[in-house]
């Protein structure tokens, strides 16, 4: 039976805080970029909303890769 690993709560709280901070900024900025391009190019509202959603999805994908790297560098377990 493998030994149980203990969770380092300091590192866990750091990763949660980083996910909230960076996630809000990254997804918000990408969503705003879709909104700005839709307005700048005077696209129809439906097309503009689609562009916002596509950019927000890109933001979530970037957040996923960022957090994956952060977890590799900031181990949760002791």
N, C-alpha and C. Protein backbone atom coordinates (compact mmCIF):
# COMPACT_ATOMS: atom_id res chain seq x y z
N UNK A 1 0.84 -1.17 0.00
CA UNK A 1 0.00 0.00 0.00
C UNK A 1 0.90 1.25 0.00
N UNK A 2 0.70 2.17 -0.97
CA UNK A 2 1.56 3.36 -1.02
C UNK A 2 1.27 4.31 0.14
N UNK A 3 2.30 5.02 0.53
CA UNK A 3 2.14 5.98 1.64
C UNK A 3 1.28 7.16 1.18
N UNK A 4 0.42 7.61 2.08
CA UNK A 4 -0.45 8.75 1.77
C UNK A 4 0.39 10.04 1.77
N UNK A 5 0.16 10.86 0.76
CA UNK A 5 0.89 12.12 0.68
C UNK A 5 0.05 13.21 1.34
N UNK A 6 0.72 14.11 2.03
CA UNK A 6 0.03 15.19 2.70
C UNK A 6 -0.06 16.40 1.78
N UNK A 7 -1.14 17.14 1.90
CA UNK A 7 -1.36 18.32 1.07
C UNK A 7 -0.71 19.53 1.73
N UNK A 8 0.02 20.28 0.94
CA UNK A 8 0.61 21.53 1.41
C UNK A 8 -0.42 22.63 1.15
N UNK A 9 -1.11 23.05 2.19
CA UNK A 9 -2.21 24.00 2.03
C UNK A 9 -1.74 25.40 1.65
N UNK A 10 -0.51 25.75 1.97
CA UNK A 10 0.02 27.04 1.54
C UNK A 10 0.15 27.08 0.02
N UNK A 11 0.69 26.03 -0.55
CA UNK A 11 0.82 25.97 -2.01
C UNK A 11 -0.55 25.88 -2.68
N UNK A 12 -1.46 25.14 -2.07
CA UNK A 12 -2.80 25.01 -2.62
C UNK A 12 -3.52 26.36 -2.64
N UNK A 13 -3.41 27.11 -1.55
CA UNK A 13 -4.07 28.41 -1.52
C UNK A 13 -3.44 29.38 -2.51
N UNK A 14 -2.13 29.27 -2.71
CA UNK A 14 -1.45 30.10 -3.71
C UNK A 14 -1.97 29.79 -5.11
N UNK A 15 -2.10 28.52 -5.42
CA UNK A 15 -2.59 28.13 -6.75
C UNK A 15 -4.04 28.56 -6.97
N UNK A 16 -4.86 28.48 -5.94
CA UNK A 16 -6.25 28.92 -6.07
C UNK A 16 -6.30 30.43 -6.31
N UNK A 17 -5.49 31.18 -5.57
CA UNK A 17 -5.46 32.63 -5.75
C UNK A 17 -4.97 33.01 -7.14
N UNK A 18 -3.96 32.30 -7.62
CA UNK A 18 -3.44 32.57 -8.97
C UNK A 18 -4.48 32.23 -10.03
N UNK A 19 -5.20 31.14 -9.83
CA UNK A 19 -6.23 30.76 -10.80
C UNK A 19 -7.33 31.82 -10.86
N UNK A 20 -7.72 32.36 -9.73
CA UNK A 20 -8.76 33.38 -9.72
C UNK A 20 -8.25 34.67 -10.36
N UNK A 21 -7.07 35.11 -9.96
CA UNK A 21 -6.54 36.37 -10.47
C UNK A 21 -6.23 36.30 -11.95
N UNK A 22 -5.44 35.34 -12.35
CA UNK A 22 -5.04 35.23 -13.76
C UNK A 22 -6.23 34.84 -14.63
N UNK A 23 -7.10 33.98 -14.12
CA UNK A 23 -8.28 33.58 -14.89
C UNK A 23 -9.20 34.74 -15.17
N UNK A 24 -9.43 35.58 -14.17
CA UNK A 24 -10.28 36.74 -14.37
C UNK A 24 -9.68 37.69 -15.40
N UNK A 25 -8.40 37.93 -15.29
CA UNK A 25 -7.75 38.85 -16.22
C UNK A 25 -7.68 38.27 -17.64
N UNK A 26 -7.32 37.01 -17.75
CA UNK A 26 -7.13 36.41 -19.07
C UNK A 26 -8.46 36.25 -19.81
N UNK A 27 -9.46 35.70 -19.14
CA UNK A 27 -10.76 35.49 -19.79
C UNK A 27 -11.44 36.82 -20.03
N UNK A 28 -11.34 37.74 -19.07
CA UNK A 28 -11.95 39.05 -19.24
C UNK A 28 -11.33 39.84 -20.38
N UNK A 29 -10.02 39.80 -20.48
CA UNK A 29 -9.34 40.52 -21.56
C UNK A 29 -9.65 39.91 -22.92
N UNK A 30 -9.71 38.61 -22.99
CA UNK A 30 -10.01 37.98 -24.28
C UNK A 30 -11.46 38.23 -24.67
N UNK A 31 -12.37 38.22 -23.70
CA UNK A 31 -13.77 38.51 -23.98
C UNK A 31 -13.91 39.96 -24.45
N UNK A 32 -13.22 40.87 -23.80
CA UNK A 32 -13.27 42.28 -24.19
C UNK A 32 -12.67 42.50 -25.58
N UNK A 33 -11.67 41.71 -25.93
CA UNK A 33 -11.09 41.82 -27.27
C UNK A 33 -12.11 41.42 -28.33
N UNK A 34 -12.88 40.38 -28.07
CA UNK A 34 -13.93 39.98 -29.00
C UNK A 34 -15.00 41.05 -29.12
N UNK A 35 -15.38 41.66 -28.00
CA UNK A 35 -16.36 42.74 -28.00
C UNK A 35 -15.83 43.95 -28.77
N UNK A 36 -14.56 44.29 -28.56
CA UNK A 36 -13.97 45.44 -29.23
C UNK A 36 -13.87 45.23 -30.73
N UNK A 37 -13.47 44.04 -31.15
CA UNK A 37 -13.39 43.77 -32.59
C UNK A 37 -14.76 43.78 -33.24
N UNK A 38 -15.74 43.25 -32.55
CA UNK A 38 -17.10 43.27 -33.08
C UNK A 38 -17.62 44.69 -33.26
N UNK A 39 -17.33 45.56 -32.29
CA UNK A 39 -17.75 46.95 -32.40
C UNK A 39 -16.94 47.73 -33.42
N UNK A 40 -15.64 47.47 -33.46
CA UNK A 40 -14.77 48.18 -34.39
C UNK A 40 -15.11 47.86 -35.84
N UNK A 41 -15.41 46.61 -36.11
CA UNK A 41 -15.75 46.19 -37.47
C UNK A 41 -17.23 46.34 -37.77
N UNK A 42 -18.02 46.83 -36.81
CA UNK A 42 -19.46 47.03 -36.93
C UNK A 42 -20.17 45.77 -37.43
N UNK A 43 -19.89 44.68 -36.73
CA UNK A 43 -20.49 43.40 -37.09
C UNK A 43 -21.90 43.31 -36.50
N UNK A 44 -22.67 42.41 -37.03
CA UNK A 44 -24.02 42.17 -36.52
C UNK A 44 -23.92 41.65 -35.08
N UNK A 45 -24.93 41.91 -34.25
CA UNK A 45 -24.85 41.47 -32.85
C UNK A 45 -24.61 39.98 -32.69
N UNK A 46 -25.23 39.15 -33.51
CA UNK A 46 -25.03 37.71 -33.39
C UNK A 46 -23.58 37.33 -33.70
N UNK A 47 -23.02 37.93 -34.73
CA UNK A 47 -21.62 37.65 -35.08
C UNK A 47 -20.69 38.17 -33.99
N UNK A 48 -21.01 39.32 -33.45
CA UNK A 48 -20.20 39.89 -32.37
C UNK A 48 -20.22 38.99 -31.13
N UNK A 49 -21.38 38.46 -30.78
CA UNK A 49 -21.47 37.55 -29.64
C UNK A 49 -20.71 36.25 -29.90
N UNK A 50 -20.75 35.77 -31.12
CA UNK A 50 -19.98 34.58 -31.46
C UNK A 50 -18.49 34.85 -31.32
N UNK A 51 -18.06 36.03 -31.77
CA UNK A 51 -16.65 36.41 -31.66
C UNK A 51 -16.23 36.52 -30.19
N UNK A 52 -17.09 37.10 -29.36
CA UNK A 52 -16.81 37.18 -27.92
C UNK A 52 -16.66 35.79 -27.32
N UNK A 53 -17.56 34.89 -27.67
CA UNK A 53 -17.50 33.54 -27.12
C UNK A 53 -16.24 32.80 -27.59
N UNK A 54 -15.86 33.00 -28.84
CA UNK A 54 -14.66 32.34 -29.35
C UNK A 54 -13.41 32.86 -28.64
N UNK A 55 -13.35 34.17 -28.43
CA UNK A 55 -12.20 34.73 -27.73
C UNK A 55 -12.19 34.29 -26.27
N UNK A 56 -13.35 34.22 -25.63
CA UNK A 56 -13.42 33.76 -24.24
C UNK A 56 -12.96 32.30 -24.14
N UNK A 57 -13.33 31.49 -25.10
CA UNK A 57 -12.88 30.09 -25.12
C UNK A 57 -11.36 30.03 -25.23
N UNK A 58 -10.78 30.89 -26.05
CA UNK A 58 -9.32 30.95 -26.13
C UNK A 58 -8.71 31.35 -24.79
N UNK A 59 -9.38 32.26 -24.08
CA UNK A 59 -8.91 32.65 -22.75
C UNK A 59 -8.93 31.50 -21.77
N UNK A 60 -10.00 30.68 -21.81
CA UNK A 60 -10.08 29.51 -20.93
C UNK A 60 -9.01 28.49 -21.28
N UNK A 61 -8.72 28.33 -22.56
CA UNK A 61 -7.68 27.39 -22.98
C UNK A 61 -6.31 27.87 -22.49
N UNK A 62 -6.05 29.17 -22.62
CA UNK A 62 -4.79 29.72 -22.11
C UNK A 62 -4.70 29.56 -20.60
N UNK A 63 -5.80 29.75 -19.90
CA UNK A 63 -5.82 29.57 -18.45
C UNK A 63 -5.52 28.13 -18.08
N UNK A 64 -6.06 27.18 -18.83
CA UNK A 64 -5.80 25.77 -18.58
C UNK A 64 -4.31 25.46 -18.68
N UNK A 65 -3.66 25.93 -19.75
CA UNK A 65 -2.24 25.66 -19.92
C UNK A 65 -1.39 26.40 -18.88
N UNK A 66 -1.80 27.59 -18.51
CA UNK A 66 -1.09 28.33 -17.48
C UNK A 66 -1.15 27.59 -16.14
N UNK A 67 -2.34 27.13 -15.77
CA UNK A 67 -2.50 26.43 -14.50
C UNK A 67 -1.80 25.08 -14.50
N UNK A 68 -1.78 24.43 -15.63
CA UNK A 68 -1.07 23.15 -15.72
C UNK A 68 0.42 23.36 -15.45
N UNK A 69 0.98 24.43 -16.00
CA UNK A 69 2.38 24.74 -15.75
C UNK A 69 2.61 25.17 -14.31
N UNK A 70 1.68 25.96 -13.77
CA UNK A 70 1.82 26.42 -12.38
C UNK A 70 1.79 25.25 -11.41
N UNK A 71 0.95 24.27 -11.64
CA UNK A 71 0.86 23.10 -10.76
C UNK A 71 2.14 22.27 -10.84
N UNK A 72 2.77 22.23 -12.01
CA UNK A 72 4.03 21.49 -12.13
C UNK A 72 5.14 22.15 -11.31
N UNK A 73 5.14 23.48 -11.26
CA UNK A 73 6.19 24.20 -10.56
C UNK A 73 5.92 24.40 -9.07
N UNK A 74 4.65 24.43 -8.70
CA UNK A 74 4.25 24.65 -7.30
C UNK A 74 3.49 23.40 -6.84
N UNK A 75 4.23 22.41 -6.37
CA UNK A 75 3.64 21.14 -6.02
C UNK A 75 2.66 21.27 -4.86
N UNK A 76 1.53 20.61 -4.98
CA UNK A 76 0.49 20.66 -3.95
C UNK A 76 0.86 19.73 -2.79
N UNK A 77 1.57 18.67 -3.08
CA UNK A 77 1.90 17.68 -2.06
C UNK A 77 3.26 17.95 -1.43
N UNK A 78 3.38 17.57 -0.16
CA UNK A 78 4.65 17.73 0.57
C UNK A 78 5.59 16.64 0.20
